[in-house]
PDB file of N, CA and C in Angstrom:
ATOM      1  N   MET A   1       2.019  30.099 -11.204  1.00  0.00           N
ATOM      2  CA  MET A   1       3.272  30.782 -10.326  1.00  0.00           C
ATOM      3  C   MET A   1       4.494  31.002 -11.362  1.00  0.00           C
ATOM      4  N   ALA A   2       5.393  31.951 -11.313  1.00  0.00           N
ATOM      5  CA  ALA A   2       6.150  32.534 -12.399  1.00  0.00           C
ATOM      6  C   ALA A   2       7.250  31.274 -12.541  1.00  0.00           C
ATOM      7  N   ALA A   3       7.371  30.264 -13.221  1.00  0.00           N
ATOM      8  CA  ALA A   3       8.843  29.662 -12.629  1.00  0.00           C
ATOM      9  C   ALA A   3      10.618  29.982 -13.571  1.00  0.00           C
ATOM     10  N   PRO A   4      11.081  30.285 -13.256  1.00  0.00           N
ATOM     11  CA  PRO A   4      12.684  30.269 -13.718  1.00  0.00           C
ATOM     12  C   PRO A   4      12.504  30.039 -15.236  1.00  0.00           C
ATOM     13  N   ASN A   5      12.821  30.773 -16.154  1.00  0.00           N
ATOM     14  CA  ASN A   5      12.631  30.856 -17.258  1.00  0.00           C
ATOM     15  C   ASN A   5      12.030  30.833 -18.334  1.00  0.00           C
ATOM     16  N   GLN A   6      10.817  31.527 -17.258  1.00  0.00           N
ATOM     17  CA  GLN A   6       9.455  31.713 -17.930  1.00  0.00           C
ATOM     18  C   GLN A   6       9.399  33.378 -18.463  1.00  0.00           C
ATOM     19  N   VAL A   7       8.680  33.387 -19.423  1.00  0.00           N
ATOM     20  CA  VAL A   7       8.307  34.790 -20.167  1.00  0.00           C
ATOM     21  C   VAL A   7       7.323  35.499 -19.443  1.00  0.00           C
ATOM     22  N   VAL A   8       7.103  36.045 -18.880  1.00  0.00           N
ATOM     23  CA  VAL A   8       6.489  36.693 -18.300  1.00  0.00           C
ATOM     24  C   VAL A   8       5.736  38.193 -18.853  1.00  0.00           C
ATOM     25  N   ASN A   9       4.441  38.341 -19.320  1.00  0.00           N
ATOM     26  CA  ASN A   9       3.993  39.425 -20.566  1.00  0.00           C
ATOM     27  C   ASN A   9       3.070  40.394 -20.009  1.00  0.00           C
ATOM     28  N   LEU A  10       3.358  41.460 -19.278  1.00  0.00           N
ATOM     29  CA  LEU A  10       2.833  42.220 -17.493  1.00  0.00           C
ATOM     30  C   LEU A  10       1.428  42.891 -18.645  1.00  0.00           C
ATOM     31  N   GLU A  11       1.542  43.428 -19.905  1.00  0.00           N
ATOM     32  CA  GLU A  11      -0.065  43.324 -20.550  1.00  0.00           C
ATOM     33  C   GLU A  11      -0.832  42.292 -19.713  1.00  0.00           C
ATOM     34  N   GLU A  12      -0.296  40.949 -20.270  1.00  0.00           N
ATOM     35  CA  GLU A  12      -1.829  40.115 -20.112  1.00  0.00           C
ATOM     36  C   GLU A  12      -2.064  39.478 -18.562  1.00  0.00           C
ATOM     37  N   LYS A  13      -0.837  40.241 -17.923  1.00  0.00           N
ATOM     38  CA  LYS A  13      -0.865  39.689 -16.244  1.00  0.00           C
ATOM     39  C   LYS A  13      -1.852  41.254 -15.609  1.00  0.00           C
ATOM     40  N   PHE A  14      -1.525  42.440 -16.317  1.00  0.00           N
ATOM     41  CA  PHE A  14      -2.481  43.586 -15.451  1.00  0.00           C
ATOM     42  C   PHE A  14      -4.279  43.096 -16.420  1.00  0.00           C
ATOM     43  N   ALA A  15      -4.215  42.552 -17.718  1.00  0.00           N
ATOM     44  CA  ALA A  15      -5.350  42.858 -17.731  1.00  0.00           C
ATOM     45  C   ALA A  15      -6.727  41.460 -17.122  1.00  0.00           C
ATOM     46  N   ALA A  16      -5.495  40.552 -16.359  1.00  0.00           N
ATOM     47  CA  ALA A  16      -6.243  39.450 -15.830  1.00  0.00           C
ATOM     48  C   ALA A  16      -6.823  40.318 -14.459  1.00  0.00           C
ATOM     49  N   PHE A  17      -6.770  41.208 -14.134  1.00  0.00           N
ATOM     50  CA  PHE A  17      -7.553  41.444 -12.697  1.00  0.00           C
ATOM     51  C   PHE A  17      -7.833  42.724 -12.412  1.00  0.00           C
ATOM     52  N   ASP A  18      -9.509  42.844 -12.095  1.00  0.00           N
ATOM     53  CA  ASP A  18      -9.870  44.376 -11.965  1.00  0.00           C
ATOM     54  C   ASP A  18      -9.989  45.615 -10.782  1.00  0.00           C
ATOM     55  N   GLN A  19      -9.420  44.580  -9.579  1.00  0.00           N
ATOM     56  CA  GLN A  19      -9.632  44.794  -8.195  1.00  0.00           C
ATOM     57  C   GLN A  19      -8.322  46.018  -7.559  1.00  0.00           C
ATOM     58  N   HIS A  20      -8.914  46.789  -7.396  1.00  0.00           N
ATOM     59  CA  HIS A  20      -8.018  47.755  -6.595  1.00  0.00           C
ATOM     60  C   HIS A  20      -7.215  47.322  -5.002  1.00  0.00           C
ATOM     61  N   TRP A  21      -6.085  47.767  -5.007  1.00  0.00           N
ATOM     62  CA  TRP A  21      -5.678  47.262  -3.650  1.00  0.00           C
ATOM     63  C   TRP A  21      -5.664  46.281  -3.557  1.00  0.00           C
ATOM     64  N   SER A  22      -4.988  45.442  -4.526  1.00  0.00           N
ATOM     65  CA  SER A  22      -5.344  43.741  -3.924  1.00  0.00           C
ATOM     66  C   SER A  22      -3.861  43.237  -4.977  1.00  0.00           C
ATOM     67  N   PRO A  23      -2.858  43.579  -4.486  1.00  0.00           N
ATOM     68  CA  PRO A  23      -1.079  43.070  -5.009  1.00  0.00           C
ATOM     69  C   PRO A  23      -1.463  41.775  -5.604  1.00  0.00           C
ATOM     70  N   LYS A  24      -1.654  41.202  -7.191  1.00  0.00           N
ATOM     71  CA  LYS A  24      -0.936  39.898  -7.441  1.00  0.00           C
ATOM     72  C   LYS A  24       0.373  39.496  -7.765  1.00  0.00           C
ATOM     73  N   ILE A  25       0.969  38.540  -7.376  1.00  0.00           N
ATOM     74  CA  ILE A  25       2.342  38.242  -7.283  1.00  0.00           C
ATOM     75  C   ILE A  25       2.115  37.664  -8.885  1.00  0.00           C
ATOM     76  N   ILE A  26       3.340  38.545  -9.602  1.00  0.00           N
ATOM     77  CA  ILE A  26       3.490  37.711 -10.875  1.00  0.00           C
ATOM     78  C   ILE A  26       4.919  36.864 -10.755  1.00  0.00           C
ATOM     79  N   GLY A  27       5.952  36.914  -9.874  1.00  0.00           N
ATOM     80  CA  GLY A  27       6.878  36.616 -10.447  1.00  0.00           C
ATOM     81  C   GLY A  27       7.753  36.492  -8.438  1.00  0.00           C
ATOM     82  N   GLU A  28       9.190  35.387  -8.409  1.00  0.00           N
ATOM     83  CA  GLU A  28       9.536  35.522  -7.502  1.00  0.00           C
ATOM     84  C   GLU A  28      11.000  35.172  -7.699  1.00  0.00           C
ATOM     85  N   ILE A  29      11.914  36.065  -6.592  1.00  0.00           N
ATOM     86  CA  ILE A  29      13.438  35.579  -6.883  1.00  0.00           C
ATOM     87  C   ILE A  29      13.805  36.575  -5.956  1.00  0.00           C
ATOM     88  N   ASN A  30      14.999  35.231  -5.285  1.00  0.00           N
ATOM     89  CA  ASN A  30      15.485  35.404  -4.177  1.00  0.00           C
ATOM     90  C   ASN A  30      15.154  35.299  -3.368  1.00  0.00           C
ATOM     91  N   ASP A  31      13.529  34.996  -2.843  1.00  0.00           N
ATOM     92  CA  ASP A  31      12.755  35.422  -1.443  1.00  0.00           C
ATOM     93  C   ASP A  31      12.265  37.014  -1.701  1.00  0.00           C
ATOM     94  N   MET A  32      12.396  37.044  -3.243  1.00  0.00           N
ATOM     95  CA  MET A  32      11.543  38.150  -2.802  1.00  0.00           C
ATOM     96  C   MET A  32      10.604  38.079  -4.042  1.00  0.00           C
ATOM     97  N   GLN A  33       9.411  38.808  -3.967  1.00  0.00           N
ATOM     98  CA  GLN A  33       7.831  38.493  -4.964  1.00  0.00           C
ATOM     99  C   GLN A  33       8.015  40.252  -5.176  1.00  0.00           C
ATOM    100  N   LEU A  34       7.249  39.493  -7.209  1.00  0.00           N
ATOM    101  CA  LEU A  34       7.283  41.297  -7.921  1.00  0.00           C
ATOM    102  C   LEU A  34       5.811  40.975  -7.495  1.00  0.00           C
ATOM    103  N   LYS A  35       4.879  42.221  -7.586  1.00  0.00           N
ATOM    104  CA  LYS A  35       3.654  42.393  -7.730  1.00  0.00           C
ATOM    105  C   LYS A  35       3.151  43.448  -8.362  1.00  0.00           C
ATOM    106  N   ALA A  36       1.800  43.122  -8.946  1.00  0.00           N
ATOM    107  CA  ALA A  36       1.174  43.687  -9.943  1.00  0.00           C
ATOM    108  C   ALA A  36      -0.089  44.547  -9.308  1.00  0.00           C
ATOM    109  N   ALA A  37      -0.159  45.626  -9.373  1.00  0.00           N
ATOM    110  CA  ALA A  37      -1.793  46.340  -8.274  1.00  0.00           C
ATOM    111  C   ALA A  37      -2.234  47.578  -9.234  1.00  0.00           C
ATOM    112  N   LYS A  38      -3.465  47.249  -9.291  1.00  0.00           N
ATOM    113  CA  LYS A  38      -4.003  48.523  -9.546  1.00  0.00           C
ATOM    114  C   LYS A  38      -4.306  49.195  -8.451  1.00  0.00           C
ATOM    115  N   VAL A  39      -4.193  50.289  -8.530  1.00  0.00           N
ATOM    116  CA  VAL A  39      -4.747  51.353  -7.579  1.00  0.00           C
ATOM    117  C   VAL A  39      -5.899  52.614  -7.714  1.00  0.00           C
ATOM    118  N   GLN A  40      -6.436  52.997  -6.757  1.00  0.00           N
ATOM    119  CA  GLN A  40      -7.242  53.837  -7.120  1.00  0.00           C
ATOM    120  C   GLN A  40      -8.069  54.580  -5.713  1.00  0.00           C
ATOM    121  N   GLY A  41      -7.999  55.980  -5.523  1.00  0.00           N
ATOM    122  CA  GLY A  41      -8.354  56.121  -4.347  1.00  0.00           C
ATOM    123  C   GLY A  41      -7.080  56.188  -3.370  1.00  0.00           C
ATOM    124  N   GLU A  42      -7.395  56.446  -2.056  1.00  0.00           N
ATOM    125  CA  GLU A  42      -6.467  56.095  -0.996  1.00  0.00           C
ATOM    126  C   GLU A  42      -6.429  55.127  -0.214  1.00  0.00           C
ATOM    127  N   PHE A  43      -5.143  54.352  -0.073  1.00  0.00           N
ATOM    128  CA  PHE A  43      -4.732  53.520   0.951  1.00  0.00           C
ATOM    129  C   PHE A  43      -4.875  53.763   2.433  1.00  0.00           C
ATOM    130  N   VAL A  44      -4.440  52.563   3.182  1.00  0.00           N
ATOM    131  CA  VAL A  44      -4.668  52.756   4.660  1.00  0.00           C
ATOM    132  C   VAL A  44      -3.030  53.254   4.882  1.00  0.00           C
ATOM    133  N   TRP A  45      -3.400  54.208   5.983  1.00  0.00           N
ATOM    134  CA  TRP A  45      -2.270  54.501   6.718  1.00  0.00           C
ATOM    135  C   TRP A  45      -1.168  53.142   7.413  1.00  0.00           C
ATOM    136  N   HIS A  46      -0.160  52.877   6.712  1.00  0.00           N
ATOM    137  CA  HIS A  46       0.814  51.607   7.449  1.00  0.00           C
ATOM    138  C   HIS A  46       2.474  51.525   7.295  1.00  0.00           C
ATOM    139  N   THR A  47       2.750  51.155   8.193  1.00  0.00           N
ATOM    140  CA  THR A  47       4.183  50.482   8.033  1.00  0.00           C
ATOM    141  C   THR A  47       4.461  49.365   7.516  1.00  0.00           C
ATOM    142  N   HIS A  48       5.830  49.646   7.010  1.00  0.00           N
ATOM    143  CA  HIS A  48       6.630  47.501   7.081  1.00  0.00           C
ATOM    144  C   HIS A  48       7.779  47.769   8.183  1.00  0.00           C
ATOM    145  N   GLU A  49       7.894  47.294   9.255  1.00  0.00           N
ATOM    146  CA  GLU A  49       8.727  47.784  10.062  1.00  0.00           C
ATOM    147  C   GLU A  49      10.282  46.837   9.756  1.00  0.00           C
ATOM    148  N   GLU A  50       9.901  45.647   8.958  1.00  0.00           N
ATOM    149  CA  GLU A  50      11.282  45.044   8.135  1.00  0.00           C
ATOM    150  C   GLU A  50      11.546  44.900   7.316  1.00  0.00           C
ATOM    151  N   THR A  51      11.210  45.820   6.296  1.00  0.00           N
ATOM    152  CA  THR A  51      11.524  45.851   5.305  1.00  0.00           C
ATOM    153  C   THR A  51      10.877  47.288   4.710  1.00  0.00           C
ATOM    154  N   ASP A  52      11.796  47.565   3.432  1.00  0.00           N
ATOM    155  CA  ASP A  52      11.484  48.592   2.435  1.00  0.00           C
ATOM    156  C   ASP A  52      10.516  48.021   1.519  1.00  0.00           C
ATOM    157  N   GLU A  53       9.782  49.373   0.770  1.00  0.00           N
ATOM    158  CA  GLU A  53       9.020  48.986  -0.015  1.00  0.00           C
ATOM    159  C   GLU A  53       9.340  49.659  -1.320  1.00  0.00           C
ATOM    160  N   PHE A  54       9.050  48.982  -2.791  1.00  0.00           N
ATOM    161  CA  PHE A  54       9.540  49.506  -3.881  1.00  0.00           C
ATOM    162  C   PHE A  54       8.056  50.035  -4.721  1.00  0.00           C
ATOM    163  N   PHE A  55       7.815  51.128  -5.366  1.00  0.00           N
ATOM    164  CA  PHE A  55       7.187  50.879  -6.069  1.00  0.00           C
ATOM    165  C   PHE A  55       7.234  51.623  -6.960  1.00  0.00           C
ATOM    166  N   LEU A  56       6.984  51.099  -8.307  1.00  0.00           N
ATOM    167  CA  LEU A  56       7.399  50.865  -9.556  1.00  0.00           C
ATOM    168  C   LEU A  56       5.787  51.845 -10.281  1.00  0.00           C
ATOM    169  N   VAL A  57       5.865  52.735 -10.773  1.00  0.00           N
ATOM    170  CA  VAL A  57       4.444  53.487 -11.694  1.00  0.00           C
ATOM    171  C   VAL A  57       4.784  52.940 -12.757  1.00  0.00           C
ATOM    172  N   ARG A  58       3.928  52.195 -13.393  1.00  0.00           N
ATOM    173  CA  ARG A  58       3.705  51.765 -14.923  1.00  0.00           C
ATOM    174  C   ARG A  58       2.696  52.659 -16.007  1.00  0.00           C
ATOM    175  N   SER A  59       1.719  52.670 -15.314  1.00  0.00           N
ATOM    176  CA  SER A  59       0.656  54.196 -15.685  1.00  0.00           C
ATOM    177  C   SER A  59      -0.282  54.700 -14.737  1.00  0.00           C
ATOM    178  N   GLY A  60      -0.133  55.647 -14.767  1.00  0.00           N
ATOM    179  CA  GLY A  60      -1.345  56.992 -13.935  1.00  0.00           C
ATOM    180  C   GLY A  60      -0.030  57.568 -13.008  1.00  0.00           C
ATOM    181  N   ARG A  61      -0.601  58.027 -12.429  1.00  0.00           N
ATOM    182  CA  ARG A  61      -0.061  59.254 -11.287  1.00  0.00           C
ATOM    183  C   ARG A  61      -0.572  58.551  -9.955  1.00  0.00           C
ATOM    184  N   LEU A  62       0.918  58.285  -8.909  1.00  0.00           N
ATOM    185  CA  LEU A  62       0.942  57.938  -7.614  1.00  0.00           C
ATOM    186  C   LEU A  62       1.159  58.831  -7.059  1.00  0.00           C
ATOM    187  N   THR A  63       0.729  58.934  -5.795  1.00  0.00           N
ATOM    188  CA  THR A  63       1.223  59.910  -4.519  1.00  0.00           C
ATOM    189  C   THR A  63       1.380  58.603  -3.546  1.00  0.00           C
ATOM    190  N   ILE A  64       2.552  59.450  -2.794  1.00  0.00           N
ATOM    191  CA  ILE A  64       2.617  58.155  -1.731  1.00  0.00           C
ATOM    192  C   ILE A  64       2.940  59.620  -0.739  1.00  0.00           C
ATOM    193  N   ARG A  65       1.981  59.766  -0.031  1.00  0.00           N
ATOM    194  CA  ARG A  65       2.040  60.183   1.814  1.00  0.00           C
ATOM    195  C   ARG A  65       3.401  59.667   2.841  1.00  0.00           C
ATOM    196  N   LEU A  66       3.717  60.229   3.416  1.00  0.00           N
ATOM    197  CA  LEU A  66       4.820  60.000   4.020  1.00  0.00           C
ATOM    198  C   LEU A  66       4.527  60.195   5.326  1.00  0.00           C
ATOM    199  N   ARG A  67       4.426  60.113   6.571  1.00  0.00           N
ATOM    200  CA  ARG A  67       4.315  60.337   7.765  1.00  0.00           C
ATOM    201  C   ARG A  67       5.937  61.560   8.172  1.00  0.00           C
ATOM    202  N   GLY A  68       5.303  63.175   8.396  1.00  0.00           N
ATOM    203  CA  GLY A  68       6.514  64.000   8.652  1.00  0.00           C
ATOM    204  C   GLY A  68       7.388  63.680   8.020  1.00  0.00           C
ATOM    205  N   ARG A  69       6.951  63.626   6.643  1.00  0.00           N
ATOM    206  CA  ARG A  69       7.860  64.295   5.364  1.00  0.00           C
ATOM    207  C   ARG A  69       6.843  64.853   4.060  1.00  0.00           C
ATOM    208  N   ASP A  70       7.691  65.040   3.116  1.00  0.00           N
ATOM    209  CA  ASP A  70       7.011  65.638   1.819  1.00  0.00           C
ATOM    210  C   ASP A  70       6.873  64.650   0.821  1.00  0.00           C
ATOM    211  N   ASP A  71       5.760  65.002   0.816  1.00  0.00           N
ATOM    212  CA  ASP A  71       4.485  63.789  -0.029  1.00  0.00           C
ATOM    213  C   ASP A  71       5.686  63.336  -1.430  1.00  0.00           C
ATOM    214  N   VAL A  72       5.316  62.447  -2.208  1.00  0.00           N
ATOM    215  CA  VAL A  72       6.181  62.025  -2.898  1.00  0.00           C
ATOM    216  C   VAL A  72       5.229  61.657  -4.687  1.00  0.00           C
ATOM    217  N   THR A  73       4.925  62.011  -5.281  1.00  0.00           N
ATOM    218  CA  THR A  73       4.416  61.747  -6.513  1.00  0.00           C
ATOM    219  C   THR A  73       5.250  61.353  -7.698  1.00  0.00           C
ATOM    220  N   LEU A  74       4.442  60.032  -8.348  1.00  0.00           N
ATOM    221  CA  LEU A  74       5.608  59.817  -9.187  1.00  0.00           C
ATOM    222  C   LEU A  74       4.569  59.326 -10.364  1.00  0.00           C
ATOM    223  N   GLY A  75       5.080  59.115 -11.424  1.00  0.00           N
ATOM    224  CA  GLY A  75       4.163  58.739 -13.131  1.00  0.00           C
ATOM    225  C   GLY A  75       5.059  57.862 -13.493  1.00  0.00           C
ATOM    226  N   PRO A  76       4.678  57.885 -14.446  1.00  0.00           N
ATOM    227  CA  PRO A  76       4.973  56.276 -15.636  1.00  0.00           C
ATOM    228  C   PRO A  76       6.462  56.769 -15.448  1.00  0.00           C
ATOM    229  N   GLY A  77       7.060  54.626 -15.046  1.00  0.00           N
ATOM    230  CA  GLY A  77       8.523  54.827 -15.071  1.00  0.00           C
ATOM    231  C   GLY A  77       9.012  55.411 -14.254  1.00  0.00           C
ATOM    232  N   GLU A  78       8.599  55.862 -13.229  1.00  0.00           N
ATOM    233  CA  GLU A  78       9.328  56.264 -12.213  1.00  0.00           C
ATOM    234  C   GLU A  78       8.980  55.478 -10.651  1.00  0.00           C
ATOM    235  N   PHE A  79      10.401  55.476 -10.112  1.00  0.00           N
ATOM    236  CA  PHE A  79       9.947  54.760  -8.724  1.00  0.00           C
ATOM    237  C   PHE A  79      10.495  55.173  -7.579  1.00  0.00           C
ATOM    238  N   PHE A  80      10.005  54.650  -6.356  1.00  0.00           N
ATOM    239  CA  PHE A  80      10.195  55.608  -5.071  1.00  0.00           C
ATOM    240  C   PHE A  80      10.440  53.886  -4.100  1.00  0.00           C
ATOM    241  N   VAL A  81      11.631  54.470  -3.157  1.00  0.00           N
ATOM    242  CA  VAL A  81      11.304  53.267  -2.142  1.00  0.00           C
ATOM    243  C   VAL A  81      11.125  53.959  -0.629  1.00  0.00           C
ATOM    244  N   VAL A  82      10.005  53.343  -0.193  1.00  0.00           N
ATOM    245  CA  VAL A  82       9.537  53.861   1.046  1.00  0.00           C
ATOM    246  C   VAL A  82      10.594  52.895   2.509  1.00  0.00           C
ATOM    247  N   PRO A  83      11.460  53.693   3.031  1.00  0.00           N
ATOM    248  CA  PRO A  83      12.018  52.796   3.875  1.00  0.00           C
ATOM    249  C   PRO A  83      11.543  52.349   4.703  1.00  0.00           C
ATOM    250  N   ARG A  84      11.940  51.391   5.303  1.00  0.00           N
ATOM    251  CA  ARG A  84      11.291  50.204   6.386  1.00  0.00           C
ATOM    252  C   ARG A  84      11.092  51.509   8.000  1.00  0.00           C
ATOM    253  N   GLY A  85       9.796  51.237   8.015  1.00  0.00           N
ATOM    254  CA  GLY A  85       9.515  51.903   9.071  1.00  0.00           C
ATOM    255  C   GLY A  85       8.846  53.287   9.218  1.00  0.00           C
ATOM    256  N   VAL A  86       8.771  53.755   8.297  1.00  0.00           N
ATOM    257  CA  VAL A  86       8.127  55.019   7.679  1.00  0.00           C
ATOM    258  C   VAL A  86       6.884  54.760   7.681  1.00  0.00           C
ATOM    259  N   GLU A  87       6.156  55.505   8.205  1.00  0.00           N
ATOM    260  CA  GLU A  87       4.567  55.054   7.993  1.00  0.00           C
ATOM    261  C   GLU A  87       4.191  56.268   6.683  1.00  0.00           C
ATOM    262  N   HIS A  88       3.481  55.430   5.930  1.00  0.00           N
ATOM    263  CA  HIS A  88       3.089  56.039   4.373  1.00  0.00           C
ATOM    264  C   HIS A  88       1.417  55.392   3.751  1.00  0.00           C
ATOM    265  N   CYS A  89       0.723  56.085   3.206  1.00  0.00           N
ATOM    266  CA  CYS A  89      -0.458  56.181   2.533  1.00  0.00           C
ATOM    267  C   CYS A  89      -0.721  56.441   1.393  1.00  0.00           C
ATOM    268  N   PRO A  90      -0.211  55.250   0.360  1.00  0.00           N
ATOM    269  CA  PRO A  90      -0.149  55.572  -1.280  1.00  0.00           C
ATOM    270  C   PRO A  90      -1.661  55.560  -1.433  1.00  0.00           C
ATOM    271  N   SER A  91      -1.574  57.049  -2.509  1.00  0.00           N
ATOM    272  CA  SER A  91      -3.457  57.375  -3.374  1.00  0.00           C
ATOM    273  C   SER A  91      -3.324  57.304  -4.415  1.00  0.00           C
ATOM    274  N   ALA A  92      -4.194  57.357  -5.387  1.00  0.00           N
ATOM    275  CA  ALA A  92      -4.284  57.756  -6.634  1.00  0.00           C
ATOM    276  C   ALA A  92      -5.257  58.482  -7.095  1.00  0.00           C
ATOM    277  N   GLU A  93      -5.612  59.314  -7.867  1.00  0.00           N
ATOM    278  CA  GLU A  93      -7.041  60.068  -8.221  1.00  0.00           C
ATOM    279  C   GLU A  93      -7.721  58.916  -9.136  1.00  0.00           C
ATOM    280  N   ASP A  94      -6.595  58.992  -9.963  1.00  0.00           N
ATOM    281  CA  ASP A  94      -7.148  58.117 -11.438  1.00  0.00           C
ATOM    282  C   ASP A  94      -6.642  56.727 -11.109  1.00  0.00           C
ATOM    283  N   GLU A  95      -6.836  55.517 -11.814  1.00  0.00           N
ATOM    284  CA  GLU A  95      -6.353  54.229 -11.751  1.00  0.00           C
ATOM    285  C   GLU A  95      -4.923  53.986 -12.568  1.00  0.00           C
ATOM    286  N   CYS A  96      -4.533  53.863 -11.224  1.00  0.00           N
ATOM    287  CA  CYS A  96      -3.025  53.641 -11.640  1.00  0.00           C
ATOM    288  C   CYS A  96      -2.449  52.003 -11.864  1.00  0.00           C
ATOM    289  N   ALA A  97      -1.605  51.834 -12.487  1.00  0.00           N
ATOM    290  CA  ALA A  97      -0.871  50.382 -12.671  1.00  0.00           C
ATOM    291  C   ALA A  97       0.214  50.703 -11.847  1.00  0.00           C
ATOM    292  N   ILE A  98       0.659  49.589 -10.737  1.00  0.00           N
ATOM    293  CA  ILE A  98       1.932  49.668 -10.162  1.00  0.00           C
ATOM    294  C   ILE A  98       2.568  48.358 -10.452  1.00  0.00           C
ATOM    295  N   LEU A  99       4.152  48.283  -9.847  1.00  0.00           N
ATOM    296  CA  LEU A  99       4.718  46.878  -9.781  1.00  0.00           C
ATOM    297  C   LEU A  99       5.454  47.247  -8.102  1.00  0.00           C
ATOM    298  N   LEU A 100       5.459  46.506  -7.412  1.00  0.00           N
ATOM    299  CA  LEU A 100       5.654  46.313  -5.974  1.00  0.00           C
ATOM    300  C   LEU A 100       6.948  45.344  -6.123  1.00  0.00           C
ATOM    301  N   LEU A 101       7.803  45.185  -5.451  1.00  0.00           N
ATOM    302  CA  LEU A 101       8.811  44.275  -4.640  1.00  0.00           C
ATOM    303  C   LEU A 101       9.375  44.371  -3.470  1.00  0.00           C
ATOM    304  N   GLU A 102       8.746  43.344  -3.209  1.00  0.00           N
ATOM    305  CA  GLU A 102       8.978  42.763  -1.551  1.00  0.00           C
ATOM    306  C   GLU A 102       9.333  41.323  -1.249  1.00  0.00           C
ATOM    307  N   PRO A 103       9.830  41.545   0.247  1.00  0.00           N
ATOM    308  CA  PRO A 103       9.954  39.579   0.282  1.00  0.00           C
ATOM    309  C   PRO A 103       8.812  39.307   0.406  1.00  0.00           C
ATOM    310  N   VAL A 104       8.790  37.918   0.586  1.00  0.00           N
ATOM    311  CA  VAL A 104       8.001  36.917   0.320  1.00  0.00           C
ATOM    312  C   VAL A 104       7.155  36.871   1.934  1.00  0.00           C
ATOM    313  N   GLY A 105       6.233  36.766   2.015  1.00  0.00           N
ATOM    314  CA  GLY A 105       5.266  37.357   2.987  1.00  0.00           C
ATOM    315  C   GLY A 105       4.761  38.299   3.447  1.00  0.00           C
ATOM    316  N   VAL A 106       5.332  39.679   2.950  1.00  0.00           N
ATOM    317  CA  VAL A 106       4.829  40.889   3.427  1.00  0.00           C
ATOM    318  C   VAL A 106       3.219  40.841   2.945  1.00  0.00           C
ATOM    319  N   VAL A 107       2.566  41.804   4.278  1.00  0.00           N
ATOM    320  CA  VAL A 107       1.299  41.607   4.208  1.00  0.00           C
ATOM    321  C   VAL A 107       1.125  43.187   3.755  1.00  0.00           C
ATOM    322  N   ASN A 108       0.430  43.566   2.375  1.00  0.00           N
ATOM    323  CA  ASN A 108       0.107  45.015   1.703  1.00  0.00           C
ATOM    324  C   ASN A 108      -0.292  46.092   3.075  1.00  0.00           C
ATOM    325  N   THR A 109      -1.224  45.555   3.836  1.00  0.00           N
ATOM    326  CA  THR A 109      -1.253  46.700   4.843  1.00  0.00           C
ATOM    327  C   THR A 109      -0.103  46.517   6.227  1.00  0.00           C
ATOM    328  N   GLY A 110       0.902  45.837   6.296  1.00  0.00           N
ATOM    329  CA  GLY A 110       2.209  46.132   6.950  1.00  0.00           C
ATOM    330  C   GLY A 110       1.319  46.545   8.459  1.00  0.00           C
ATOM    331  N   GLY A 111       1.717  47.084   9.120  1.00  0.00           N
ATOM    332  CA  GLY A 111       0.783  47.534  10.745  1.00  0.00           C
ATOM    333  C   GLY A 111      -0.157  47.743  10.794  1.00  0.00           C
ATOM    334  N   ALA A 112      -0.952  47.432   9.897  1.00  0.00           N
ATOM    335  CA  ALA A 112      -2.470  47.761   9.850  1.00  0.00           C
ATOM    336  C   ALA A 112      -2.545  46.609   9.233  1.00  0.00           C
ATOM    337  N   PRO A 113      -2.894  45.012   9.561  1.00  0.00           N
ATOM    338  CA  PRO A 113      -3.363  44.460   8.995  1.00  0.00           C
ATOM    339  C   PRO A 113      -4.925  43.728   9.261  1.00  0.00           C
ATOM    340  N   ASP A 114      -5.603  44.259  10.584  1.00  0.00           N
ATOM    341  CA  ASP A 114      -7.123  44.171  10.144  1.00  0.00           C
ATOM    342  C   ASP A 114      -7.888  45.041   9.380  1.00  0.00           C
ATOM    343  N   SER A 115      -7.293  45.729   8.502  1.00  0.00           N
ATOM    344  CA  SER A 115      -7.859  46.507   7.309  1.00  0.00           C
ATOM    345  C   SER A 115      -8.741  45.629   6.243  1.00  0.00           C
ATOM    346  N   ASP A 116      -9.659  46.745   5.932  1.00  0.00           N
ATOM    347  CA  ASP A 116     -10.240  46.008   5.017  1.00  0.00           C
ATOM    348  C   ASP A 116     -10.082  45.550   3.889  1.00  0.00           C
ATOM    349  N   LEU A 117      -8.685  46.257   3.240  1.00  0.00           N
ATOM    350  CA  LEU A 117      -7.739  46.603   2.406  1.00  0.00           C
ATOM    351  C   LEU A 117      -6.542  45.445   2.557  1.00  0.00           C
ATOM    352  N   THR A 118      -6.886  44.831   3.581  1.00  0.00           N
ATOM    353  CA  THR A 118      -5.762  43.587   3.872  1.00  0.00           C
ATOM    354  C   THR A 118      -5.828  42.953   3.002  1.00  0.00           C
ATOM    355  N   ALA A 119      -4.896  42.176   1.623  1.00  0.00           N
ATOM    356  CA  ALA A 119      -5.511  41.301   0.243  1.00  0.00           C
ATOM    357  C   ALA A 119      -4.710  40.370   0.573  1.00  0.00           C
ATOM    358  N   PRO A 120      -5.146  38.624  -0.166  1.00  0.00           N
ATOM    359  CA  PRO A 120      -4.854  37.776   0.525  1.00  0.00           C
ATOM    360  C   PRO A 120      -3.025  37.478  -0.843  1.00  0.00           C
ATOM    361  N   GLU A 121      -2.404  36.499  -0.381  1.00  0.00           N
ATOM    362  CA  GLU A 121      -1.505  36.360  -0.882  1.00  0.00           C
ATOM    363  C   GLU A 121      -2.502  35.559  -2.452  1.00  0.00           C
ATOM    364  N   GLU A 122      -1.983  36.052  -3.856  1.00  0.00           N
ATOM    365  CA  GLU A 122      -2.426  35.186  -4.534  1.00  0.00           C
ATOM    366  C   GLU A 122      -1.336  35.452  -6.542  1.00  0.00           C
ATOM    367  N   TRP A 123      -1.434  34.566  -6.504  1.00  0.00           N
ATOM    368  CA  TRP A 123      -0.329  34.496  -7.821  1.00  0.00           C
ATOM    369  C   TRP A 123      -1.552  34.394  -9.429  1.00  0.00           C
ATOM    370  N   ILE A 124      -1.068  34.998 -10.038  1.00  0.00           N
ATOM    371  CA  ILE A 124      -1.841  35.131 -11.590  1.00  0.00           C
ATOM    372  C   ILE A 124      -1.075  34.751 -12.161  1.00  0.00           C
TER     373      ILE A 124
END
């Protein structure tokens, strides 16, 4: 767990895991968790009814498909906030490293919790 006043090195955190679609918690602030994830391929369509979801691309390219809206494609250094209740499906042709900011306890598959891609809560 990242304690207050502790320096967190993103290179070390991303080097500590290889799994895709399995976000790792790397910090916590005011009931929000900062999560590192590596993604490749397509995720599952899902919603988060109670919260917005923040995606920041660190490397690679991420496309976020949005139900009933235009897709959003992000490159390194770009972020997008999916509004609460909007069904979405992130995907990446090649491996992409992202940071997510979400309230404590948010399940990565949102309204599709029985998916094979539902990740356990894990600190690195």
